[in-house]
Amino acid sequence: MVDGRRRIHGATGARSLPFNDADRLAEVNKTLDRIESGGPFPYKKDGTVFRNKEGRLPQGSYREYTIDTPGASNRDARRVVQDTNSGRTYYTDVHYGSFTQIDPARK
């Protein structure tokens, strides 16, 4: 743990993410890797515009991406939402009910 965040190591470094659940860390990292490489994405709605209708995020231009949920029969509730201009990245596991800002960069 570093600053209360668990590090997951990948081919080009580690991300510092605020999760302790190894399965969730792995799935979030997979999604961030797909975003970083431009796909391919497993769901049709991945990369589509997220309108922030509820206003829970700062004003910006966002895209949304699905985080796989093992055992789920659909896209379920977990998403990464990224501001296309600033790169600010957010995680939700309650289908946009609340967000946690995360750093997608590898250190």
PDB file of N, CA and C in Angstrom:
ATOM      1  N   MET A   1       0.849  -1.180   0.000  1.00  0.00           N
ATOM      2  CA  MET A   1       0.000   0.000   0.000  1.00  0.00           C
ATOM      3  C   MET A   1       0.894   1.243   0.000  1.00  0.00           C
ATOM      4  N   VAL A   2       0.488   2.236  -0.738  1.00  0.00           N
ATOM      5  CA  VAL A   2       1.184   3.507  -0.793  1.00  0.00           C
ATOM      6  C   VAL A   2       0.134   4.587  -0.633  1.00  0.00           C
ATOM      7  N   ASP A   3       0.277   5.448   0.373  1.00  0.00           N
ATOM      8  CA  ASP A   3      -0.705   6.498   0.635  1.00  0.00           C
ATOM      9  C   ASP A   3      -2.123   5.927   0.687  1.00  0.00           C
ATOM     10  N   GLY A   4      -2.301   4.752   1.294  1.00  0.00           N
ATOM     11  CA  GLY A   4      -3.625   4.155   1.407  1.00  0.00           C
ATOM     12  C   GLY A   4      -4.149   3.556   0.122  1.00  0.00           C
ATOM     13  N   ARG A   5      -3.333   3.494  -0.886  1.00  0.00           N
ATOM     14  CA  ARG A   5      -3.768   2.955  -2.180  1.00  0.00           C
ATOM     15  C   ARG A   5      -2.920   1.742  -2.515  1.00  0.00           C
ATOM     16  N   ARG A   6      -3.561   0.741  -3.040  1.00  0.00           N
ATOM     17  CA  ARG A   6      -2.860  -0.491  -3.390  1.00  0.00           C
ATOM     18  C   ARG A   6      -2.307  -0.378  -4.806  1.00  0.00           C
ATOM     19  N   ARG A   7      -1.090  -0.831  -4.991  1.00  0.00           N
ATOM     20  CA  ARG A   7      -0.466  -0.775  -6.315  1.00  0.00           C
ATOM     21  C   ARG A   7      -0.638  -2.110  -7.023  1.00  0.00           C
ATOM     22  N   ILE A   8      -1.000  -2.038  -8.293  1.00  0.00           N
ATOM     23  CA  ILE A   8      -1.071  -3.222  -9.140  1.00  0.00           C
ATOM     24  C   ILE A   8      -0.001  -3.052 -10.207  1.00  0.00           C
ATOM     25  N   HIS A   9       0.817  -4.039 -10.387  1.00  0.00           N
ATOM     26  CA  HIS A   9       1.924  -3.933 -11.331  1.00  0.00           C
ATOM     27  C   HIS A   9       1.542  -4.474 -12.698  1.00  0.00           C
ATOM     28  N   GLY A  10       1.907  -3.726 -13.714  1.00  0.00           N
ATOM     29  CA  GLY A  10       1.649  -4.129 -15.085  1.00  0.00           C
ATOM     30  C   GLY A  10       2.939  -4.099 -15.870  1.00  0.00           C
ATOM     31  N   ALA A  11       2.819  -4.288 -17.146  1.00  0.00           N
ATOM     32  CA  ALA A  11       3.989  -4.377 -18.011  1.00  0.00           C
ATOM     33  C   ALA A  11       4.801  -3.090 -18.014  1.00  0.00           C
ATOM     34  N   THR A  12       4.149  -1.935 -17.862  1.00  0.00           N
ATOM     35  CA  THR A  12       4.874  -0.667 -17.960  1.00  0.00           C
ATOM     36  C   THR A  12       4.826   0.129 -16.668  1.00  0.00           C
ATOM     37  N   GLY A  13       4.608  -0.498 -15.534  1.00  0.00           N
ATOM     38  CA  GLY A  13       4.579   0.208 -14.269  1.00  0.00           C
ATOM     39  C   GLY A  13       3.339  -0.154 -13.486  1.00  0.00           C
ATOM     40  N   ALA A  14       3.083   0.626 -12.455  1.00  0.00           N
ATOM     41  CA  ALA A  14       1.950   0.337 -11.583  1.00  0.00           C
ATOM     42  C   ALA A  14       1.013   1.527 -11.530  1.00  0.00           C
ATOM     43  N   ARG A  15      -0.256   1.238 -11.349  1.00  0.00           N
ATOM     44  CA  ARG A  15      -1.240   2.288 -11.084  1.00  0.00           C
ATOM     45  C   ARG A  15      -1.509   2.282  -9.591  1.00  0.00           C
ATOM     46  N   SER A  16      -1.768   3.430  -9.056  1.00  0.00           N
ATOM     47  CA  SER A  16      -2.142   3.538  -7.655  1.00  0.00           C
ATOM     48  C   SER A  16      -3.643   3.780  -7.614  1.00  0.00           C
ATOM     49  N   LEU A  17      -4.398   2.760  -7.223  1.00  0.00           N
ATOM     50  CA  LEU A  17      -5.862   2.838  -7.224  1.00  0.00           C
ATOM     51  C   LEU A  17      -6.395   2.635  -5.805  1.00  0.00           C
ATOM     52  N   PRO A  18      -7.498   3.294  -5.469  1.00  0.00           N
ATOM     53  CA  PRO A  18      -8.006   3.280  -4.090  1.00  0.00           C
ATOM     54  C   PRO A  18      -8.893   2.081  -3.756  1.00  0.00           C
ATOM     55  N   PHE A  19      -8.501   0.888  -4.175  1.00  0.00           N
ATOM     56  CA  PHE A  19      -9.310  -0.300  -3.926  1.00  0.00           C
ATOM     57  C   PHE A  19      -8.461  -1.367  -3.248  1.00  0.00           C
ATOM     58  N   ASN A  20      -9.077  -2.141  -2.376  1.00  0.00           N
ATOM     59  CA  ASN A  20      -8.376  -3.240  -1.719  1.00  0.00           C
ATOM     60  C   ASN A  20      -8.778  -4.600  -2.269  1.00  0.00           C
ATOM     61  N   ASP A  21      -9.865  -4.663  -3.004  1.00  0.00           N
ATOM     62  CA  ASP A  21     -10.391  -5.908  -3.556  1.00  0.00           C
ATOM     63  C   ASP A  21      -9.602  -6.275  -4.817  1.00  0.00           C
ATOM     64  N   ALA A  22      -8.877  -7.396  -4.765  1.00  0.00           N
ATOM     65  CA  ALA A  22      -8.007  -7.789  -5.879  1.00  0.00           C
ATOM     66  C   ALA A  22      -8.780  -7.995  -7.182  1.00  0.00           C
ATOM     67  N   ASP A  23      -9.979  -8.574  -7.112  1.00  0.00           N
ATOM     68  CA  ASP A  23     -10.768  -8.783  -8.332  1.00  0.00           C
ATOM     69  C   ASP A  23     -11.171  -7.456  -8.958  1.00  0.00           C
ATOM     70  N   ARG A  24     -11.627  -6.517  -8.123  1.00  0.00           N
ATOM     71  CA  ARG A  24     -12.020  -5.206  -8.649  1.00  0.00           C
ATOM     72  C   ARG A  24     -10.807  -4.489  -9.233  1.00  0.00           C
ATOM     73  N   LEU A  25      -9.670  -4.557  -8.545  1.00  0.00           N
ATOM     74  CA  LEU A  25      -8.444  -3.942  -9.068  1.00  0.00           C
ATOM     75  C   LEU A  25      -8.104  -4.491 -10.447  1.00  0.00           C
ATOM     76  N   ALA A  26      -8.183  -5.791 -10.603  1.00  0.00           N
ATOM     77  CA  ALA A  26      -7.853  -6.413 -11.890  1.00  0.00           C
ATOM     78  C   ALA A  26      -8.802  -5.952 -12.986  1.00  0.00           C
ATOM     79  N   GLU A  27     -10.093  -5.897 -12.698  1.00  0.00           N
ATOM     80  CA  GLU A  27     -11.078  -5.496 -13.711  1.00  0.00           C
ATOM     81  C   GLU A  27     -10.939  -4.016 -14.069  1.00  0.00           C
ATOM     82  N   VAL A  28     -10.710  -3.162 -13.068  1.00  0.00           N
ATOM     83  CA  VAL A  28     -10.509  -1.731 -13.346  1.00  0.00           C
ATOM     84  C   VAL A  28      -9.253  -1.548 -14.191  1.00  0.00           C
ATOM     85  N   ASN A  29      -8.184  -2.250 -13.848  1.00  0.00           N
ATOM     86  CA  ASN A  29      -6.951  -2.158 -14.632  1.00  0.00           C
ATOM     87  C   ASN A  29      -7.161  -2.608 -16.070  1.00  0.00           C
ATOM     88  N   LYS A  30      -7.926  -3.670 -16.286  1.00  0.00           N
ATOM     89  CA  LYS A  30      -8.217  -4.129 -17.655  1.00  0.00           C
ATOM     90  C   LYS A  30      -8.908  -3.030 -18.454  1.00  0.00           C
ATOM     91  N   THR A  31      -9.893  -2.387 -17.825  1.00  0.00           N
ATOM     92  CA  THR A  31     -10.625  -1.318 -18.514  1.00  0.00           C
ATOM     93  C   THR A  31      -9.704  -0.142 -18.809  1.00  0.00           C
ATOM     94  N   LEU A  32      -8.884   0.258 -17.841  1.00  0.00           N
ATOM     95  CA  LEU A  32      -7.954   1.367 -18.063  1.00  0.00           C
ATOM     96  C   LEU A  32      -6.940   1.026 -19.155  1.00  0.00           C
ATOM     97  N   ASP A  33      -6.496  -0.223 -19.214  1.00  0.00           N
ATOM     98  CA  ASP A  33      -5.588  -0.649 -20.294  1.00  0.00           C
ATOM     99  C   ASP A  33      -6.266  -0.519 -21.655  1.00  0.00           C
ATOM    100  N   ARG A  34      -7.537  -0.919 -21.731  1.00  0.00           N
ATOM    101  CA  ARG A  34      -8.277  -0.802 -23.003  1.00  0.00           C
ATOM    102  C   ARG A  34      -8.404   0.658 -23.421  1.00  0.00           C
ATOM    103  N   ILE A  35      -8.706   1.530 -22.458  1.00  0.00           N
ATOM    104  CA  ILE A  35      -8.835   2.961 -22.762  1.00  0.00           C
ATOM    105  C   ILE A  35      -7.495   3.488 -23.265  1.00  0.00           C
ATOM    106  N   GLU A  36      -6.425   3.150 -22.558  1.00  0.00           N
ATOM    107  CA  GLU A  36      -5.082   3.613 -22.907  1.00  0.00           C
ATOM    108  C   GLU A  36      -4.677   3.179 -24.317  1.00  0.00           C
ATOM    109  N   SER A  37      -5.080   1.970 -24.709  1.00  0.00           N
ATOM    110  CA  SER A  37      -4.679   1.462 -26.022  1.00  0.00           C
ATOM    111  C   SER A  37      -5.713   1.733 -27.117  1.00  0.00           C
ATOM    112  N   GLY A  38      -6.828   2.368 -26.754  1.00  0.00           N
ATOM    113  CA  GLY A  38      -7.849   2.683 -27.751  1.00  0.00           C
ATOM    114  C   GLY A  38      -8.739   1.507 -28.112  1.00  0.00           C
ATOM    115  N   GLY A  39      -8.800   0.499 -27.260  1.00  0.00           N
ATOM    116  CA  GLY A  39      -9.663  -0.663 -27.490  1.00  0.00           C
ATOM    117  C   GLY A  39      -8.839  -1.888 -27.817  1.00  0.00           C
ATOM    118  N   PRO A  40      -9.491  -2.930 -28.236  1.00  0.00           N
ATOM    119  CA  PRO A  40     -10.933  -3.049 -28.502  1.00  0.00           C
ATOM    120  C   PRO A  40     -11.730  -3.111 -27.196  1.00  0.00           C
ATOM    121  N   PHE A  41     -12.973  -2.691 -27.293  1.00  0.00           N
ATOM    122  CA  PHE A  41     -13.869  -2.658 -26.150  1.00  0.00           C
ATOM    123  C   PHE A  41     -14.935  -3.738 -26.295  1.00  0.00           C
ATOM    124  N   PRO A  42     -15.266  -4.412 -25.202  1.00  0.00           N
ATOM    125  CA  PRO A  42     -16.202  -5.537 -25.288  1.00  0.00           C
ATOM    126  C   PRO A  42     -17.670  -5.149 -25.407  1.00  0.00           C
ATOM    127  N   TYR A  43     -18.002  -3.905 -25.097  1.00  0.00           N
ATOM    128  CA  TYR A  43     -19.408  -3.492 -25.115  1.00  0.00           C
ATOM    129  C   TYR A  43     -19.619  -2.356 -26.107  1.00  0.00           C
ATOM    130  N   LYS A  44     -20.736  -2.413 -26.787  1.00  0.00           N
ATOM    131  CA  LYS A  44     -21.092  -1.423 -27.811  1.00  0.00           C
ATOM    132  C   LYS A  44     -21.093   0.007 -27.261  1.00  0.00           C
ATOM    133  N   LYS A  45     -21.508   0.174 -26.009  1.00  0.00           N
ATOM    134  CA  LYS A  45     -21.616   1.519 -25.429  1.00  0.00           C
ATOM    135  C   LYS A  45     -20.288   2.051 -24.898  1.00  0.00           C
ATOM    136  N   ASP A  46     -19.258   1.210 -24.859  1.00  0.00           N
ATOM    137  CA  ASP A  46     -17.957   1.689 -24.387  1.00  0.00           C
ATOM    138  C   ASP A  46     -17.431   2.768 -25.325  1.00  0.00           C
ATOM    139  N   GLY A  47     -16.968   3.866 -24.734  1.00  0.00           N
ATOM    140  CA  GLY A  47     -16.440   4.974 -25.516  1.00  0.00           C
ATOM    141  C   GLY A  47     -17.492   5.966 -25.970  1.00  0.00           C
ATOM    142  N   THR A  48     -18.755   5.731 -25.591  1.00  0.00           N
ATOM    143  CA  THR A  48     -19.812   6.665 -25.981  1.00  0.00           C
ATOM    144  C   THR A  48     -19.852   7.847 -25.016  1.00  0.00           C
ATOM    145  N   VAL A  49     -20.522   8.892 -25.439  1.00  0.00           N
ATOM    146  CA  VAL A  49     -20.607  10.117 -24.649  1.00  0.00           C
ATOM    147  C   VAL A  49     -21.383   9.865 -23.361  1.00  0.00           C
ATOM    148  N   PHE A  50     -20.806  10.304 -22.248  1.00  0.00           N
ATOM    149  CA  PHE A  50     -21.490  10.313 -20.958  1.00  0.00           C
ATOM    150  C   PHE A  50     -21.907  11.752 -20.711  1.00  0.00           C
ATOM    151  N   ARG A  51     -23.183  11.994 -20.582  1.00  0.00           N
ATOM    152  CA  ARG A  51     -23.715  13.360 -20.532  1.00  0.00           C
ATOM    153  C   ARG A  51     -23.691  14.015 -19.156  1.00  0.00           C
ATOM    154  N   ASN A  52     -23.413  13.270 -18.097  1.00  0.00           N
ATOM    155  CA  ASN A  52     -23.355  13.851 -16.753  1.00  0.00           C
ATOM    156  C   ASN A  52     -24.646  14.587 -16.404  1.00  0.00           C
ATOM    157  N   LYS A  53     -25.789  14.010 -16.799  1.00  0.00           N
ATOM    158  CA  LYS A  53     -27.098  14.653 -16.586  1.00  0.00           C
ATOM    159  C   LYS A  53     -27.370  14.950 -15.118  1.00  0.00           C
ATOM    160  N   GLU A  54     -26.879  14.087 -14.235  1.00  0.00           N
ATOM    161  CA  GLU A  54     -27.115  14.287 -12.802  1.00  0.00           C
ATOM    162  C   GLU A  54     -26.217  15.375 -12.225  1.00  0.00           C
ATOM    163  N   GLY A  55     -25.199  15.790 -12.978  1.00  0.00           N
ATOM    164  CA  GLY A  55     -24.307  16.857 -12.539  1.00  0.00           C
ATOM    165  C   GLY A  55     -23.395  16.458 -11.387  1.00  0.00           C
ATOM    166  N   ARG A  56     -23.083  15.183 -11.252  1.00  0.00           N
ATOM    167  CA  ARG A  56     -22.251  14.720 -10.139  1.00  0.00           C
ATOM    168  C   ARG A  56     -20.753  14.900 -10.406  1.00  0.00           C
ATOM    169  N   LEU A  57     -20.409  15.171 -11.646  1.00  0.00           N
ATOM    170  CA  LEU A  57     -19.011  15.409 -12.005  1.00  0.00           C
ATOM    171  C   LEU A  57     -18.836  16.867 -12.402  1.00  0.00           C
ATOM    172  N   PRO A  58     -17.594  17.375 -12.333  1.00  0.00           N
ATOM    173  CA  PRO A  58     -17.358  18.740 -12.815  1.00  0.00           C
ATOM    174  C   PRO A  58     -17.750  18.846 -14.284  1.00  0.00           C
ATOM    175  N   GLN A  59     -18.032  20.054 -14.714  1.00  0.00           N
ATOM    176  CA  GLN A  59     -18.383  20.272 -16.114  1.00  0.00           C
ATOM    177  C   GLN A  59     -17.247  19.757 -16.992  1.00  0.00           C
ATOM    178  N   GLY A  60     -17.598  19.075 -18.072  1.00  0.00           N
ATOM    179  CA  GLY A  60     -16.578  18.534 -18.956  1.00  0.00           C
ATOM    180  C   GLY A  60     -17.208  17.747 -20.084  1.00  0.00           C
ATOM    181  N   SER A  61     -16.363  17.173 -20.903  1.00  0.00           N
ATOM    182  CA  SER A  61     -16.782  16.340 -22.026  1.00  0.00           C
ATOM    183  C   SER A  61     -16.321  14.911 -21.718  1.00  0.00           C
ATOM    184  N   TYR A  62     -17.266  14.018 -21.443  1.00  0.00           N
ATOM    185  CA  TYR A  62     -16.941  12.694 -20.908  1.00  0.00           C
ATOM    186  C   TYR A  62     -17.283  11.549 -21.848  1.00  0.00           C
ATOM    187  N   ARG A  63     -16.530  10.460 -21.689  1.00  0.00           N
ATOM    188  CA  ARG A  63     -16.822   9.175 -22.328  1.00  0.00           C
ATOM    189  C   ARG A  63     -16.916   8.132 -21.218  1.00  0.00           C
ATOM    190  N   GLU A  64     -17.755   7.110 -21.436  1.00  0.00           N
ATOM    191  CA  GLU A  64     -17.923   6.066 -20.422  1.00  0.00           C
ATOM    192  C   GLU A  64     -17.447   4.716 -20.936  1.00  0.00           C
ATOM    193  N   TYR A  65     -16.979   3.892 -20.001  1.00  0.00           N
ATOM    194  CA  TYR A  65     -16.462   2.564 -20.314  1.00  0.00           C
ATOM    195  C   TYR A  65     -16.925   1.588 -19.237  1.00  0.00           C
ATOM    196  N   THR A  66     -17.288   0.392 -19.664  1.00  0.00           N
ATOM    197  CA  THR A  66     -17.773  -0.640 -18.759  1.00  0.00           C
ATOM    198  C   THR A  66     -16.612  -1.367 -18.094  1.00  0.00           C
ATOM    199  N   ILE A  67     -16.762  -1.614 -16.807  1.00  0.00           N
ATOM    200  CA  ILE A  67     -15.837  -2.483 -16.085  1.00  0.00           C
ATOM    201  C   ILE A  67     -16.528  -3.825 -15.941  1.00  0.00           C
ATOM    202  N   ASP A  68     -15.906  -4.878 -16.444  1.00  0.00           N
ATOM    203  CA  ASP A  68     -16.502  -6.210 -16.332  1.00  0.00           C
ATOM    204  C   ASP A  68     -16.783  -6.550 -14.875  1.00  0.00           C
ATOM    205  N   THR A  69     -17.911  -7.186 -14.650  1.00  0.00           N
ATOM    206  CA  THR A  69     -18.276  -7.681 -13.330  1.00  0.00           C
ATOM    207  C   THR A  69     -18.432  -9.191 -13.451  1.00  0.00           C
ATOM    208  N   PRO A  70     -17.470  -9.954 -12.919  1.00  0.00           N
ATOM    209  CA  PRO A  70     -17.562 -11.407 -13.029  1.00  0.00           C
ATOM    210  C   PRO A  70     -18.908 -11.924 -12.509  1.00  0.00           C
ATOM    211  N   GLY A  71     -19.522 -12.804 -13.289  1.00  0.00           N
ATOM    212  CA  GLY A  71     -20.795 -13.395 -12.900  1.00  0.00           C
ATOM    213  C   GLY A  71     -22.020 -12.608 -13.323  1.00  0.00           C
ATOM    214  N   ALA A  72     -21.832 -11.363 -13.779  1.00  0.00           N
ATOM    215  CA  ALA A  72     -22.975 -10.550 -14.212  1.00  0.00           C
ATOM    216  C   ALA A  72     -23.383 -10.963 -15.623  1.00  0.00           C
ATOM    217  N   SER A  73     -24.677 -10.945 -15.883  1.00  0.00           N
ATOM    218  CA  SER A  73     -25.162 -11.345 -17.209  1.00  0.00           C
ATOM    219  C   SER A  73     -25.293 -10.156 -18.159  1.00  0.00           C
ATOM    220  N   ASN A  74     -25.016  -8.948 -17.652  1.00  0.00           N
ATOM    221  CA  ASN A  74     -25.097  -7.748 -18.487  1.00  0.00           C
ATOM    222  C   ASN A  74     -23.938  -6.822 -18.127  1.00  0.00           C
ATOM    223  N   ARG A  75     -24.025  -5.562 -18.499  1.00  0.00           N
ATOM    224  CA  ARG A  75     -22.945  -4.609 -18.225  1.00  0.00           C
ATOM    225  C   ARG A  75     -22.833  -4.272 -16.744  1.00  0.00           C
ATOM    226  N   ASP A  76     -23.854  -4.523 -15.969  1.00  0.00           N
ATOM    227  CA  ASP A  76     -23.880  -4.235 -14.543  1.00  0.00           C
ATOM    228  C   ASP A  76     -23.611  -2.745 -14.295  1.00  0.00           C
ATOM    229  N   ALA A  77     -23.181  -2.364 -13.105  1.00  0.00           N
ATOM    230  CA  ALA A  77     -23.166  -0.956 -12.702  1.00  0.00           C
ATOM    231  C   ALA A  77     -21.793  -0.291 -12.715  1.00  0.00           C
ATOM    232  N   ARG A  78     -20.727  -1.047 -12.844  1.00  0.00           N
ATOM    233  CA  ARG A  78     -19.390  -0.468 -12.700  1.00  0.00           C
ATOM    234  C   ARG A  78     -18.932   0.183 -14.004  1.00  0.00           C
ATOM    235  N   ARG A  79     -18.439   1.428 -13.874  1.00  0.00           N
ATOM    236  CA  ARG A  79     -17.977   2.185 -15.040  1.00  0.00           C
ATOM    237  C   ARG A  79     -16.733   3.004 -14.700  1.00  0.00           C
ATOM    238  N   VAL A  80     -15.977   3.301 -15.734  1.00  0.00           N
ATOM    239  CA  VAL A  80     -14.963   4.342 -15.713  1.00  0.00           C
ATOM    240  C   VAL A  80     -15.492   5.434 -16.622  1.00  0.00           C
ATOM    241  N   VAL A  81     -15.432   6.670 -16.148  1.00  0.00           N
ATOM    242  CA  VAL A  81     -15.854   7.828 -16.930  1.00  0.00           C
ATOM    243  C   VAL A  81     -14.644   8.757 -17.014  1.00  0.00           C
ATOM    244  N   GLN A  82     -14.311   9.188 -18.238  1.00  0.00           N
ATOM    245  CA  GLN A  82     -13.107   9.995 -18.430  1.00  0.00           C
ATOM    246  C   GLN A  82     -13.424  11.272 -19.187  1.00  0.00           C
ATOM    247  N   ASP A  83     -12.891  12.399 -18.675  1.00  0.00           N
ATOM    248  CA  ASP A  83     -13.020  13.687 -19.350  1.00  0.00           C
ATOM    249  C   ASP A  83     -12.053  13.683 -20.528  1.00  0.00           C
ATOM    250  N   THR A  84     -12.580  13.845 -21.723  1.00  0.00           N
ATOM    251  CA  THR A  84     -11.750  13.751 -22.928  1.00  0.00           C
ATOM    252  C   THR A  84     -10.790  14.928 -23.082  1.00  0.00           C
ATOM    253  N   ASN A  85     -11.044  16.038 -22.401  1.00  0.00           N
ATOM    254  CA  ASN A  85     -10.156  17.197 -22.500  1.00  0.00           C
ATOM    255  C   ASN A  85      -9.065  17.182 -21.437  1.00  0.00           C
ATOM    256  N   SER A  86      -9.450  16.961 -20.182  1.00  0.00           N
ATOM    257  CA  SER A  86      -8.484  17.039 -19.086  1.00  0.00           C
ATOM    258  C   SER A  86      -7.853  15.693 -18.753  1.00  0.00           C
ATOM    259  N   GLY A  87      -8.518  14.596 -19.139  1.00  0.00           N
ATOM    260  CA  GLY A  87      -8.037  13.270 -18.771  1.00  0.00           C
ATOM    261  C   GLY A  87      -8.470  12.834 -17.382  1.00  0.00           C
ATOM    262  N   ARG A  88      -9.142  13.737 -16.635  1.00  0.00           N
ATOM    263  CA  ARG A  88      -9.632  13.341 -15.304  1.00  0.00           C
ATOM    264  C   ARG A  88     -10.490  12.097 -15.454  1.00  0.00           C
ATOM    265  N   THR A  89     -10.280  11.152 -14.558  1.00  0.00           N
ATOM    266  CA  THR A  89     -10.909   9.843 -14.677  1.00  0.00           C
ATOM    267  C   THR A  89     -11.610   9.498 -13.374  1.00  0.00           C
ATOM    268  N   TYR A  90     -12.806   8.923 -13.505  1.00  0.00           N
ATOM    269  CA  TYR A  90     -13.637   8.614 -12.341  1.00  0.00           C
ATOM    270  C   TYR A  90     -14.136   7.183 -12.421  1.00  0.00           C
ATOM    271  N   TYR A  91     -14.354   6.603 -11.245  1.00  0.00           N
ATOM    272  CA  TYR A  91     -14.886   5.247 -11.117  1.00  0.00           C
ATOM    273  C   TYR A  91     -16.226   5.309 -10.392  1.00  0.00           C
ATOM    274  N   THR A  92     -17.184   4.511 -10.851  1.00  0.00           N
ATOM    275  CA  THR A  92     -18.435   4.329 -10.116  1.00  0.00           C
ATOM    276  C   THR A  92     -18.776   2.847 -10.097  1.00  0.00           C
ATOM    277  N   ASP A  93     -19.286   2.388  -8.968  1.00  0.00           N
ATOM    278  CA  ASP A  93     -19.785   1.017  -8.912  1.00  0.00           C
ATOM    279  C   ASP A  93     -21.271   1.002  -8.576  1.00  0.00           C
ATOM    280  N   VAL A  94     -21.883   2.184  -8.624  1.00  0.00           N
ATOM    281  CA  VAL A  94     -23.322   2.316  -8.337  1.00  0.00           C
ATOM    282  C   VAL A  94     -24.039   3.015  -9.494  1.00  0.00           C
ATOM    283  N   HIS A  95     -23.625   2.707 -10.709  1.00  0.00           N
ATOM    284  CA  HIS A  95     -24.258   3.223 -11.927  1.00  0.00           C
ATOM    285  C   HIS A  95     -24.508   4.730 -11.859  1.00  0.00           C
ATOM    286  N   TYR A  96     -23.428   5.478 -11.696  1.00  0.00           N
ATOM    287  CA  TYR A  96     -23.427   6.945 -11.718  1.00  0.00           C
ATOM    288  C   TYR A  96     -24.025   7.578 -10.468  1.00  0.00           C
ATOM    289  N   GLY A  97     -24.313   6.806  -9.427  1.00  0.00           N
ATOM    290  CA  GLY A  97     -24.851   7.368  -8.187  1.00  0.00           C
ATOM    291  C   GLY A  97     -23.817   8.191  -7.442  1.00  0.00           C
ATOM    292  N   SER A  98     -22.561   7.785  -7.510  1.00  0.00           N
ATOM    293  CA  SER A  98     -21.451   8.525  -6.916  1.00  0.00           C
ATOM    294  C   SER A  98     -20.181   8.128  -7.662  1.00  0.00           C
ATOM    295  N   PHE A  99     -19.163   8.959  -7.535  1.00  0.00           N
ATOM    296  CA  PHE A  99     -17.919   8.740  -8.264  1.00  0.00           C
ATOM    297  C   PHE A  99     -16.722   8.910  -7.342  1.00  0.00           C
ATOM    298  N   THR A 100     -15.646   8.193  -7.656  1.00  0.00           N
ATOM    299  CA  THR A 100     -14.355   8.358  -7.006  1.00  0.00           C
ATOM    300  C   THR A 100     -13.361   8.707  -8.098  1.00  0.00           C
ATOM    301  N   GLN A 101     -12.635   9.815  -7.920  1.00  0.00           N
ATOM    302  CA  GLN A 101     -11.623  10.153  -8.918  1.00  0.00           C
ATOM    303  C   GLN A 101     -10.452   9.188  -8.769  1.00  0.00           C
ATOM    304  N   ILE A 102      -9.960   8.682  -9.892  1.00  0.00           N
ATOM    305  CA  ILE A 102      -8.821   7.768  -9.894  1.00  0.00           C
ATOM    306  C   ILE A 102      -7.761   8.292 -10.851  1.00  0.00           C
ATOM    307  N   ASP A 103      -6.545   7.834 -10.653  1.00  0.00           N
ATOM    308  CA  ASP A 103      -5.437   8.220 -11.523  1.00  0.00           C
ATOM    309  C   ASP A 103      -5.117   7.043 -12.441  1.00  0.00           C
ATOM    310  N   PRO A 104      -5.392   7.163 -13.742  1.00  0.00           N
ATOM    311  CA  PRO A 104      -5.164   6.044 -14.654  1.00  0.00           C
ATOM    312  C   PRO A 104      -3.703   5.863 -15.066  1.00  0.00           C
ATOM    313  N   ALA A 105      -2.844   6.801 -14.680  1.00  0.00           N
ATOM    314  CA  ALA A 105      -1.448   6.758 -15.127  1.00  0.00           C
ATOM    315  C   ALA A 105      -0.668   5.662 -14.409  1.00  0.00           C
ATOM    316  N   ARG A 106       0.225   5.045 -15.136  1.00  0.00           N
ATOM    317  CA  ARG A 106       1.150   4.082 -14.534  1.00  0.00           C
ATOM    318  C   ARG A 106       2.352   4.863 -14.022  1.00  0.00           C
ATOM    319  N   LYS A 107       2.820   4.487 -12.878  1.00  0.00           N
ATOM    320  CA  LYS A 107       3.942   5.198 -12.234  1.00  0.00           C
ATOM    321  C   LYS A 107       5.242   4.463 -12.454  1.00  0.00           C
TER     322      LYS A 107
END
